[in-house]
Amino acid sequence: MLENPPLVQGPSPADPLDLLLVNAPLRDYTTRPRVNDYTLPVLGMAYIATYAAACGYNVAVLDAEAHGLPVADTIALINQVGPRWAGFNLLAPTYEISATIAAALDPGIRVMAGGHHAKAMPGRILTDPRMARCDALILGEAETRVVELLADHRNRSDLPAVMWRDPILSTPVTGGRPGTGHHLAPDINTLPFVDRAYLSQDPYLADDGRIEANMVGARGCPYDCSFCGAAVSANPDVTIRVRNARNILEEMHRLRDRNGVRAFRFVDDLFLGARRVIDQMMTAFAAEHVGDWAAWDATGRINVLHRASDTTLDLLAACGLREVALGIESGSERMLSYIDKRITPEMVLSVVDRLTRRGIKAKGYFILGFPTETRAEMQATVDLIHRLWNLTDDRVGTFRASVFQFRPYPGTPEWSRLLATGPYTPEQLLNYTPLNLSADDEALRGRDEFNFSSGLQFGEPTETEIHAHLVTLAREQHARTRGSH
């Protein structure tokens, strides 16, 4: 066989490739090359690859988004490598590109797919002519079921929540038999640690000179934010599980000792999103003196941190907490209630104030253009961002804002509400177009790939008004970040 190209991460070059996991590009970089140079690692794919490799299979990952590959180059590379199976992570904004790639693969390559979009619209995917060769659509966590498929794809009928299209009736079929439910919720404390050879940009050298790595501490989310693909009502199959502290610390120590990692980012929803988890993790972190040798970031929940005592926040700072990512979304109390966020603007101000006073940075995520949002409510979000900036300007713990345009995702509560109450079709809502807000503007380079539009107006503000705010806020944040260095 041909030697695997360097863009293909992690395989054994001496053996035939059993599976190539493909992260499709967010857009076709033939028409406009990407301008930012970092994207979050595909940890989910790396978990699958690591587990399959531990079971004896030769697996690789092609992160076409991280490398900014054009669609045609991605297709050519997969066909050149010639894996037995190609696996795709289907996401709503990249589904069209993924389907285009799958349809162009050599006939000898079998196709499997999973991801949020697979769970949200399996029937639509399996009846898409471009996905006619999809032998297995895997709904939910895939590690153990992927291995079963690699062993013998004919056993898919025994596997729960694995779907395919019946070749005679051309209708979707679902596998599963009694006693196989364990495949839907693997024990995350027994899964092997992610083999970073499958990741193109992790660990990586961060701007502050530390080597940094991303980690997952838990799976599942107990909240039901209406716009979010992780909403509990959209994922009734997911059992919420948290890795035990010893397991997490062992992986951190291994990354430190083998890769020189001194900074970690926990990307899951629960690390600072549940009081029980905070207490367990910080007790273990304090006992191991993590704050003496590492800094770490995590996603947090405003309502949980609002109830946390000063002693708890002091302990977080002492244990090395560097920055908390907070889903704030809106400065309007009505909009926060509409999206079921369970917070208020006053809670946001209080939490950011208490964190930053302790030297802990805060990053807030915001969304403009929610359904039913008025211009005054959108302005309230802009005003809240400015209040948070002003609150923290003179502190070591600063506040930064990351702002996006609302786009509906299938399977979310908001998607169902829009179809039930608005004059929308799924085709309209799925018509994602990547925005080009950056041009040659340095302030917008780092977020060039992450804003999409469906071209629809869901509230009172027009797209032109929303885009103007996105550009202005990004420029203001860039100036503040640059001025703080």
Protein backbone atom coordinates (compact mmCIF):
# COMPACT_ATOMS: atom_id res chain seq x y z
CA MET A 1 0.00 0.00 0.00
CA LEU A 2 1.01 3.65 -0.39
CA GLU A 3 2.68 5.30 2.58
CA ASN A 4 0.14 7.41 4.44
CA PRO A 5 0.49 11.17 3.83
CA PRO A 6 1.48 13.32 6.83
CA LEU A 7 -2.00 14.89 7.02
CA VAL A 8 -3.33 11.47 7.99
CA GLN A 9 -2.73 11.21 11.73
CA GLY A 10 -1.81 8.15 13.77
CA PRO A 11 -1.85 5.01 11.63
CA SER A 12 0.68 2.21 11.46
CA PRO A 13 2.18 2.75 7.97
CA ALA A 14 3.14 -0.91 7.60
CA ASP A 15 -0.41 -2.28 7.73
CA PRO A 16 -3.59 -1.83 5.68
CA LEU A 17 -5.85 0.85 7.13
CA ASP A 18 -9.06 -0.43 8.70
CA LEU A 19 -10.68 2.94 9.36
CA LEU A 20 -10.04 6.57 8.42
CA LEU A 21 -12.07 8.99 10.52
CA VAL A 22 -12.74 12.20 8.57
CA ASN A 23 -13.53 15.61 10.05
CA ALA A 24 -14.90 17.51 7.06
CA PRO A 25 -13.91 21.14 6.48
CA LEU A 26 -16.42 23.76 7.60
CA ARG A 27 -16.42 25.19 4.10
CA ASP A 28 -14.70 24.56 0.78
CA TYR A 29 -11.31 26.20 1.13
CA THR A 30 -10.82 26.20 -2.65
CA THR A 31 -12.89 29.36 -2.92
CA ARG A 32 -11.38 31.17 0.07
CA PRO A 33 -8.46 29.80 2.10
CA ARG A 34 -8.84 29.72 5.86
CA VAL A 35 -7.26 32.64 7.71
CA ASN A 36 -7.03 31.40 11.29
CA ASP A 37 -4.45 28.81 12.26
CA TYR A 38 -6.04 26.87 15.12
CA THR A 39 -9.18 24.82 15.57
CA LEU A 40 -10.33 22.72 18.51
CA PRO A 41 -9.12 19.12 18.33
CA VAL A 42 -11.51 16.33 17.36
CA LEU A 43 -11.40 14.58 20.73
CA GLY A 44 -14.44 12.43 19.96
CA MET A 45 -12.79 10.95 16.90
CA ALA A 46 -9.53 10.49 18.81
CA TYR A 47 -11.39 8.52 21.51
CA ILE A 48 -12.86 6.23 18.84
CA ALA A 49 -9.49 5.79 17.12
CA THR A 50 -7.68 5.12 20.40
CA TYR A 51 -10.20 2.50 21.51
CA ALA A 52 -10.21 0.77 18.11
CA ALA A 53 -6.40 0.72 18.05
CA ALA A 54 -6.37 -0.81 21.54
CA CYS A 55 -8.60 -3.56 20.09
CA GLY A 56 -6.08 -4.29 17.36
CA TYR A 57 -7.28 -2.20 14.42
CA ASN A 58 -5.23 0.21 12.31
CA VAL A 59 -7.01 3.56 12.48
CA ALA A 60 -6.19 7.09 11.38
CA VAL A 61 -7.77 10.55 11.56
CA LEU A 62 -7.93 13.11 8.77
CA ASP A 63 -8.84 16.51 10.24
CA ALA A 64 -9.56 18.36 7.01
CA GLU A 65 -10.82 21.39 8.94
CA ALA A 66 -7.65 21.76 11.00
CA HIS A 67 -5.56 21.62 7.82
CA GLY A 68 -7.87 23.89 5.80
CA LEU A 69 -8.20 21.28 3.05
CA PRO A 70 -10.40 21.99 0.02
CA VAL A 71 -13.15 19.44 -0.59
CA ALA A 72 -11.54 18.02 -3.74
CA ASP A 73 -8.24 17.53 -1.93
CA THR A 74 -10.02 15.78 0.94
CA ILE A 75 -11.69 13.36 -1.47
CA ALA A 76 -8.44 12.66 -3.30
CA LEU A 77 -6.57 12.05 -0.07
CA ILE A 78 -9.13 9.55 1.27
CA ASN A 79 -9.12 7.66 -2.01
CA GLN A 80 -5.32 7.67 -2.09
CA VAL A 81 -5.13 6.18 1.40
CA GLY A 82 -7.81 3.60 0.56
CA PRO A 83 -9.11 2.61 4.02
CA ARG A 84 -11.44 -0.33 4.47
CA TRP A 85 -13.91 2.05 6.14
CA ALA A 86 -14.26 5.84 6.14
CA GLY A 87 -16.08 7.39 9.11
CA PHE A 88 -17.69 10.84 9.19
CA ASN A 89 -18.75 13.10 12.04
CA LEU A 90 -21.96 14.65 10.72
CA LEU A 91 -22.70 18.17 11.90
CA ALA A 92 -25.47 20.37 10.53
CA PRO A 93 -23.17 23.11 9.09
CA THR A 94 -20.87 20.56 7.42
CA TYR A 95 -23.38 17.90 6.39
CA GLU A 96 -23.56 18.98 2.74
CA ILE A 97 -19.77 18.84 2.45
CA SER A 98 -19.59 15.48 4.24
CA ALA A 99 -22.26 14.01 1.92
CA THR A 100 -20.40 15.35 -1.13
CA ILE A 101 -17.19 13.70 0.05
CA ALA A 102 -18.91 10.38 0.88
CA ALA A 103 -20.52 10.21 -2.58
CA ALA A 104 -17.16 10.66 -4.30
CA LEU A 105 -15.27 7.88 -2.52
CA ASP A 106 -14.02 4.79 -4.33
CA PRO A 107 -16.66 2.01 -4.34
CA GLY A 108 -14.45 -0.30 -2.27
CA ILE A 109 -14.50 2.04 0.73
CA ARG A 110 -17.35 1.38 3.16
CA VAL A 111 -18.91 4.37 4.92
CA MET A 112 -19.98 4.79 8.53
CA ALA A 113 -21.17 8.04 10.11
CA GLY A 114 -22.25 9.49 13.43
CA GLY A 115 -22.42 12.84 15.19
CA HIS A 116 -25.17 15.19 16.31
CA HIS A 117 -26.73 15.52 12.85
CA ALA A 118 -26.93 11.73 12.51
CA LYS A 119 -28.95 11.57 15.71
CA ALA A 120 -31.18 14.50 14.76
CA MET A 121 -32.08 13.51 11.18
CA PRO A 122 -31.26 9.82 10.55
CA GLY A 123 -34.10 9.19 8.13
CA ARG A 124 -33.21 12.18 6.01
CA ILE A 125 -29.56 11.13 5.87
CA LEU A 126 -30.21 7.50 4.98
CA THR A 127 -32.54 8.48 2.12
CA ASP A 128 -30.06 11.02 0.74
CA PRO A 129 -28.75 9.50 -2.52
CA ARG A 130 -25.27 10.81 -1.70
CA MET A 131 -25.25 8.64 1.42
CA ALA A 132 -26.47 5.52 -0.38
CA ARG A 133 -23.30 3.64 0.57
CA CYS A 134 -23.57 4.41 4.28
CA ASP A 135 -23.44 0.93 5.79
CA ALA A 136 -23.85 2.13 9.36
CA LEU A 137 -25.27 5.32 10.86
CA ILE A 138 -24.26 5.26 14.54
CA LEU A 139 -26.42 7.28 16.91
CA GLY A 140 -24.67 8.38 20.11
CA GLU A 141 -21.31 7.40 21.62
CA ALA A 142 -19.58 5.16 19.16
CA GLU A 143 -16.41 3.60 20.60
CA THR A 144 -17.56 0.04 21.18
CA ARG A 145 -19.96 -0.16 18.25
CA VAL A 146 -17.30 1.03 15.80
CA VAL A 147 -15.08 -1.85 16.92
CA GLU A 148 -17.93 -4.33 16.42
CA LEU A 149 -18.47 -2.98 12.90
CA LEU A 150 -14.78 -3.24 12.09
CA ALA A 151 -14.85 -6.85 13.21
CA ASP A 152 -17.70 -7.75 10.88
CA HIS A 153 -20.14 -5.17 9.52
CA ARG A 154 -22.79 -7.87 9.10
CA ASN A 155 -23.36 -7.86 12.86
CA ARG A 156 -24.83 -4.36 12.68
CA SER A 157 -28.28 -5.85 13.19
CA ASP A 158 -27.22 -6.81 16.73
CA LEU A 159 -26.05 -3.30 17.63
CA PRO A 160 -28.42 -0.82 19.29
CA ALA A 161 -29.02 2.54 17.58
CA VAL A 162 -27.10 1.54 14.45
CA MET A 163 -29.10 2.30 11.31
CA TRP A 164 -28.82 1.60 7.59
CA ARG A 165 -31.01 1.65 4.51
CA ASP A 166 -32.68 -1.61 3.56
CA PRO A 167 -31.40 -2.43 0.06
CA ILE A 168 -34.75 -3.82 -1.09
CA LEU A 169 -37.31 -1.53 0.56
CA SER A 170 -35.01 1.55 0.55
CA THR A 171 -36.25 2.46 4.02
CA PRO A 172 -34.20 3.05 7.19
CA VAL A 173 -33.62 0.02 9.42
CA THR A 174 -32.42 0.02 13.05
CA GLY A 175 -30.42 -2.73 14.70
CA GLY A 176 -30.37 -3.88 18.30
CA ARG A 177 -31.22 -6.87 20.44
CA PRO A 178 -31.71 -7.44 24.19
CA GLY A 179 -28.54 -7.24 26.26
CA THR A 180 -26.64 -4.78 24.04
CA GLY A 181 -27.57 -1.52 25.74
CA HIS A 182 -24.10 -1.22 27.30
CA HIS A 183 -22.83 -0.04 23.92
CA LEU A 184 -24.77 3.24 24.34
CA ALA A 185 -22.91 4.36 27.47
CA PRO A 186 -19.32 3.09 27.62
CA ASP A 187 -17.62 3.26 31.01
CA ILE A 188 -15.56 6.41 30.56
CA ASN A 189 -13.27 5.49 33.44
CA THR A 190 -12.10 2.37 31.62
CA LEU A 191 -11.64 3.88 28.15
CA PRO A 192 -7.97 4.34 27.24
CA PHE A 193 -6.62 7.88 27.43
CA VAL A 194 -6.73 9.69 24.10
CA ASP A 195 -3.68 8.93 21.96
CA ARG A 196 -2.61 12.42 20.91
CA ALA A 197 -0.98 11.01 17.77
CA TYR A 198 -4.47 11.20 16.24
CA LEU A 199 -4.70 14.96 16.85
CA SER A 200 -3.00 17.44 14.55
CA GLN A 201 -2.91 20.36 17.02
CA ASP A 202 -2.95 18.89 20.51
CA PRO A 203 -0.90 19.27 22.62
CA TYR A 204 0.12 22.66 21.23
CA LEU A 205 2.24 25.63 22.21
CA ALA A 206 -0.08 28.35 23.48
CA ASP A 207 0.51 32.10 23.24
CA ASP A 208 1.69 32.25 26.85
CA GLY A 209 4.50 29.77 26.16
CA ARG A 210 2.89 26.81 27.91
CA ILE A 211 2.23 23.52 26.20
CA GLU A 212 -1.55 23.02 26.40
CA ALA A 213 -3.90 20.06 25.91
CA ASN A 214 -7.67 19.63 25.73
CA MET A 215 -9.50 17.06 27.86
CA VAL A 216 -12.99 15.70 28.45
CA GLY A 217 -14.01 15.21 32.08
CA ALA A 218 -17.64 14.16 31.57
CA ARG A 219 -20.21 13.20 28.98
CA GLY A 220 -23.74 14.55 28.81
CA CYS A 221 -25.41 17.72 30.06
CA PRO A 222 -28.37 17.98 32.48
CA TYR A 223 -29.57 21.35 31.12
CA ASP A 224 -32.04 22.08 28.34
CA CYS A 225 -30.94 25.32 26.68
CA SER A 226 -33.25 25.61 23.69
CA PHE A 227 -30.61 26.32 21.04
CA CYS A 228 -28.03 23.71 22.10
CA GLY A 229 -27.34 20.33 20.54
CA ALA A 230 -26.34 18.99 23.97
CA ALA A 231 -29.76 19.83 25.47
CA VAL A 232 -31.00 16.99 27.64
CA SER A 233 -34.34 16.77 25.81
CA ALA A 234 -32.46 16.28 22.53
CA ASN A 235 -30.37 13.45 23.97
CA PRO A 236 -32.63 11.08 25.92
CA ASP A 237 -30.21 8.24 25.12
CA VAL A 238 -27.28 9.89 26.91
CA THR A 239 -26.44 8.78 30.42
CA ILE A 240 -24.64 11.62 32.20
CA ARG A 241 -21.29 10.33 33.45
CA VAL A 242 -18.31 12.04 35.09
CA ARG A 243 -14.81 10.57 35.11
CA ASN A 244 -13.49 10.04 38.60
CA ALA A 245 -10.85 12.46 39.81
CA ARG A 246 -8.13 9.83 39.97
CA ASN A 247 -8.66 8.94 36.31
CA ILE A 248 -8.49 12.61 35.25
CA LEU A 249 -5.39 13.31 37.31
CA GLU A 250 -3.65 10.25 35.89
CA GLU A 251 -4.19 11.56 32.36
CA MET A 252 -2.98 15.03 33.36
CA HIS A 253 0.17 13.57 34.93
CA ARG A 254 0.83 11.47 31.82
CA LEU A 255 0.48 14.50 29.54
CA ARG A 256 2.79 16.47 31.82
CA ASP A 257 5.46 13.79 32.01
CA ARG A 258 5.37 12.67 28.36
CA ASN A 259 4.51 15.88 26.53
CA GLY A 260 5.50 18.67 28.90
CA VAL A 261 1.89 19.86 29.22
CA ARG A 262 1.39 22.53 31.87
CA ALA A 263 -2.03 23.86 30.84
CA PHE A 264 -5.31 22.02 30.29
CA ARG A 265 -8.69 22.93 28.87
CA PHE A 266 -11.72 20.90 29.98
CA VAL A 267 -14.19 21.21 27.13
CA ASP A 268 -17.19 19.32 28.54
CA ASP A 269 -20.29 20.90 30.07
CA LEU A 270 -20.00 19.59 33.61
CA PHE A 271 -16.50 20.18 34.96
CA LEU A 272 -17.62 23.42 36.61
CA GLY A 273 -21.30 22.88 35.89
CA ALA A 274 -22.35 20.82 38.93
CA ARG A 275 -21.55 21.48 42.59
CA ARG A 276 -20.89 17.81 43.34
CA VAL A 277 -18.33 17.60 40.52
CA ILE A 278 -16.60 20.81 41.62
CA ASP A 279 -16.26 19.56 45.19
CA GLN A 280 -14.91 16.14 44.14
CA MET A 281 -12.44 17.51 41.61
CA MET A 282 -11.10 20.33 43.77
CA THR A 283 -10.58 18.03 46.76
CA ALA A 284 -8.45 15.82 44.52
CA PHE A 285 -6.68 18.74 42.81
CA ALA A 286 -5.78 20.28 46.18
CA ALA A 287 -4.41 16.99 47.48
CA GLU A 288 -2.21 16.68 44.36
CA HIS A 289 -1.16 20.38 44.50
CA VAL A 290 -2.21 20.83 40.87
CA GLY A 291 -2.08 24.61 41.23
CA ASP A 292 1.68 24.42 41.83
CA TRP A 293 2.45 23.01 38.38
CA ALA A 294 -0.54 23.55 36.09
CA ALA A 295 -3.07 26.09 34.92
CA TRP A 296 -6.41 24.95 33.57
CA ASP A 297 -9.58 26.28 31.97
CA ALA A 298 -13.08 24.84 32.09
CA THR A 299 -16.66 25.46 31.06
CA GLY A 300 -18.87 26.64 33.90
CA ARG A 301 -22.52 27.35 34.64
CA ILE A 302 -23.53 30.78 35.89
CA ASN A 303 -26.28 29.41 38.16
CA VAL A 304 -23.92 26.90 39.80
CA LEU A 305 -21.08 29.36 40.32
CA HIS A 306 -23.54 31.97 41.60
CA ARG A 307 -24.40 29.64 44.49
CA ALA A 308 -20.77 28.71 45.17
CA SER A 309 -19.28 30.00 48.41
CA ASP A 310 -16.28 32.32 48.58
CA THR A 311 -14.33 29.39 50.01
CA THR A 312 -15.09 27.31 46.91
CA LEU A 313 -14.02 30.09 44.55
CA ASP A 314 -10.84 30.63 46.56
CA LEU A 315 -10.10 26.90 46.25
CA LEU A 316 -10.65 27.00 42.47
CA ALA A 317 -8.11 29.80 42.18
CA ALA A 318 -5.61 28.01 44.45
CA CYS A 319 -5.95 24.82 42.37
CA GLY A 320 -4.85 26.61 39.20
CA LEU A 321 -8.10 27.67 37.53
CA ARG A 322 -7.07 30.20 34.87
CA GLU A 323 -10.27 30.90 32.91
CA VAL A 324 -13.95 29.90 32.99
CA ALA A 325 -15.99 29.77 29.77
CA LEU A 326 -19.56 30.87 30.48
CA GLY A 327 -22.60 30.46 28.25
CA ILE A 328 -24.27 33.82 28.92
CA GLU A 329 -26.03 34.19 25.54
CA SER A 330 -28.13 37.32 26.21
CA GLY A 331 -28.40 40.47 28.29
CA SER A 332 -32.19 40.35 28.20
CA GLU A 333 -33.95 38.66 31.10
CA ARG A 334 -36.88 37.74 28.84
CA MET A 335 -34.60 36.13 26.26
CA LEU A 336 -32.73 34.21 28.96
CA SER A 337 -36.06 32.80 30.13
CA TYR A 338 -37.13 32.06 26.54
CA ILE A 339 -34.04 29.92 25.91
CA ASP A 340 -34.33 28.25 29.36
CA LYS A 341 -30.95 29.49 30.56
CA ARG A 342 -31.99 29.69 34.25
CA ILE A 343 -29.89 32.79 34.90
CA THR A 344 -30.32 36.58 35.02
CA PRO A 345 -28.02 39.43 33.92
CA GLU A 346 -27.48 40.29 37.59
CA MET A 347 -26.22 36.76 38.27
CA VAL A 348 -23.83 37.10 35.34
CA LEU A 349 -22.37 40.34 36.69
CA SER A 350 -22.00 38.87 40.17
CA VAL A 351 -20.25 35.68 39.01
CA VAL A 352 -17.83 37.51 36.70
CA ASP A 353 -17.07 40.02 39.46
CA ARG A 354 -16.33 37.29 42.01
CA LEU A 355 -14.19 35.24 39.61
CA THR A 356 -12.11 38.09 38.27
CA ARG A 357 -11.45 39.53 41.73
CA ARG A 358 -9.60 36.28 42.41
CA GLY A 359 -7.52 36.58 39.25
CA ILE A 360 -9.64 34.02 37.36
CA LYS A 361 -10.41 35.13 33.82
CA ALA A 362 -13.90 34.77 32.36
CA LYS A 363 -14.94 34.23 28.75
CA GLY A 364 -18.56 34.81 27.85
CA TYR A 365 -20.37 33.36 24.85
CA PHE A 366 -23.24 35.41 23.42
CA ILE A 367 -25.77 34.94 20.62
CA LEU A 368 -27.47 37.69 18.62
CA GLY A 369 -30.64 37.22 16.59
CA PHE A 370 -32.62 34.74 18.69
CA PRO A 371 -36.22 34.06 17.59
CA THR A 372 -38.57 36.79 18.91
CA GLU A 373 -35.62 38.98 19.99
CA THR A 374 -36.26 42.70 19.69
CA ARG A 375 -33.71 45.38 18.81
CA ALA A 376 -33.84 46.58 22.41
CA GLU A 377 -33.11 43.06 23.68
CA MET A 378 -30.18 42.68 21.29
CA GLN A 379 -28.88 46.04 22.49
CA ALA A 380 -29.20 44.79 26.08
CA THR A 381 -26.76 42.00 25.17
CA VAL A 382 -24.32 44.50 23.68
CA ASP A 383 -24.67 46.69 26.77
CA LEU A 384 -24.03 43.73 29.11
CA ILE A 385 -20.82 42.91 27.24
CA HIS A 386 -19.62 46.48 27.74
CA ARG A 387 -20.55 46.40 31.43
CA LEU A 388 -18.54 43.21 31.88
CA TRP A 389 -15.54 44.68 30.05
CA ASN A 390 -15.67 47.82 32.18
CA LEU A 391 -16.05 45.80 35.37
CA THR A 392 -12.82 43.92 34.78
CA ASP A 393 -10.62 46.42 32.93
CA ASP A 394 -8.28 47.02 35.86
CA ARG A 395 -8.05 43.40 37.03
CA VAL A 396 -5.66 40.52 36.42
CA GLY A 397 -8.73 38.41 35.83
CA THR A 398 -10.18 39.96 32.68
CA PHE A 399 -13.38 39.33 30.75
CA ARG A 400 -13.55 38.55 27.04
CA ALA A 401 -16.58 38.10 24.83
CA SER A 402 -17.18 35.75 21.92
CA VAL A 403 -20.32 36.62 19.97
CA PHE A 404 -22.18 34.60 17.32
CA GLN A 405 -25.25 34.83 15.15
CA PHE A 406 -28.13 32.51 16.02
CA ARG A 407 -28.57 29.55 13.72
CA PRO A 408 -31.01 26.70 14.34
CA TYR A 409 -29.74 23.15 14.74
CA PRO A 410 -31.93 20.09 14.08
CA GLY A 411 -32.81 18.07 17.14
CA THR A 412 -32.71 21.05 19.50
CA PRO A 413 -35.79 22.36 21.34
CA GLU A 414 -35.53 25.61 19.34
CA TRP A 415 -35.60 23.72 16.04
CA SER A 416 -38.84 22.00 17.05
CA ARG A 417 -40.33 25.30 18.23
CA LEU A 418 -39.46 27.08 14.97
CA LEU A 419 -41.04 24.35 12.85
CA ALA A 420 -44.16 24.36 15.05
CA THR A 421 -44.65 28.12 15.28
CA GLY A 422 -42.94 29.70 12.29
CA PRO A 423 -43.31 29.67 8.51
CA TYR A 424 -40.15 27.63 8.09
CA THR A 425 -39.27 24.39 6.35
CA PRO A 426 -36.36 22.13 7.34
CA GLU A 427 -34.73 22.97 4.00
CA GLN A 428 -34.76 26.69 4.86
CA LEU A 429 -33.40 26.17 8.35
CA LEU A 430 -30.66 23.87 7.06
CA ASN A 431 -29.43 26.35 4.46
CA TYR A 432 -26.24 27.27 6.34
CA THR A 433 -23.90 29.70 4.65
CA PRO A 434 -20.51 30.59 6.13
CA LEU A 435 -20.19 34.32 6.74
CA ASN A 436 -17.27 36.30 5.39
CA LEU A 437 -16.98 39.09 7.95
CA SER A 438 -13.22 39.18 8.13
CA ALA A 439 -11.74 40.17 4.78
CA ASP A 440 -8.27 41.32 5.82
CA ASP A 441 -9.33 42.43 9.29
CA GLU A 442 -6.90 41.00 11.86
CA ALA A 443 -9.51 41.43 14.60
CA LEU A 444 -11.79 38.87 12.94
CA ARG A 445 -9.28 36.27 11.79
CA GLY A 446 -9.58 34.00 14.79
CA ARG A 447 -13.34 33.57 14.35
CA ASP A 448 -13.51 33.44 10.57
CA GLU A 449 -14.66 29.83 10.40
CA PHE A 450 -17.24 29.82 13.17
CA ASN A 451 -20.11 32.06 12.06
CA PHE A 452 -22.84 30.68 9.81
CA SER A 453 -26.13 32.12 8.65
CA SER A 454 -29.31 30.50 7.38
CA GLY A 455 -30.25 33.78 5.69
CA LEU A 456 -33.43 34.05 7.76
CA GLN A 457 -34.55 36.79 10.12
CA PHE A 458 -35.85 35.21 13.33
CA GLY A 459 -36.45 38.35 15.39
CA GLU A 460 -36.77 42.08 14.91
CA PRO A 461 -33.09 42.82 14.06
CA THR A 462 -32.06 42.27 10.45
CA GLU A 463 -29.02 40.24 9.45
CA THR A 464 -27.28 43.49 8.47
CA GLU A 465 -27.77 44.84 11.99
CA ILE A 466 -26.59 41.59 13.58
CA HIS A 467 -23.47 41.46 11.40
CA ALA A 468 -22.62 45.07 12.21
CA HIS A 469 -22.68 44.22 15.93
CA LEU A 470 -20.58 41.07 15.37
CA VAL A 471 -17.87 43.08 13.60
CA THR A 472 -17.88 45.96 16.08
CA LEU A 473 -17.74 43.72 19.14
CA ALA A 474 -14.99 41.54 17.65
CA ARG A 475 -12.89 44.60 16.91
CA GLU A 476 -13.43 45.99 20.40
CA GLN A 477 -12.50 42.67 21.98
CA HIS A 478 -9.39 42.39 19.82
CA ALA A 479 -8.25 45.86 20.85
CA ARG A 480 -8.77 45.05 24.53
CA THR A 481 -6.97 41.70 24.27
CA ARG A 482 -4.05 43.26 22.42
CA GLY A 483 -3.87 46.08 24.94
CA SER A 484 -3.70 43.66 27.86
CA HIS A 485 -0.48 42.01 26.59
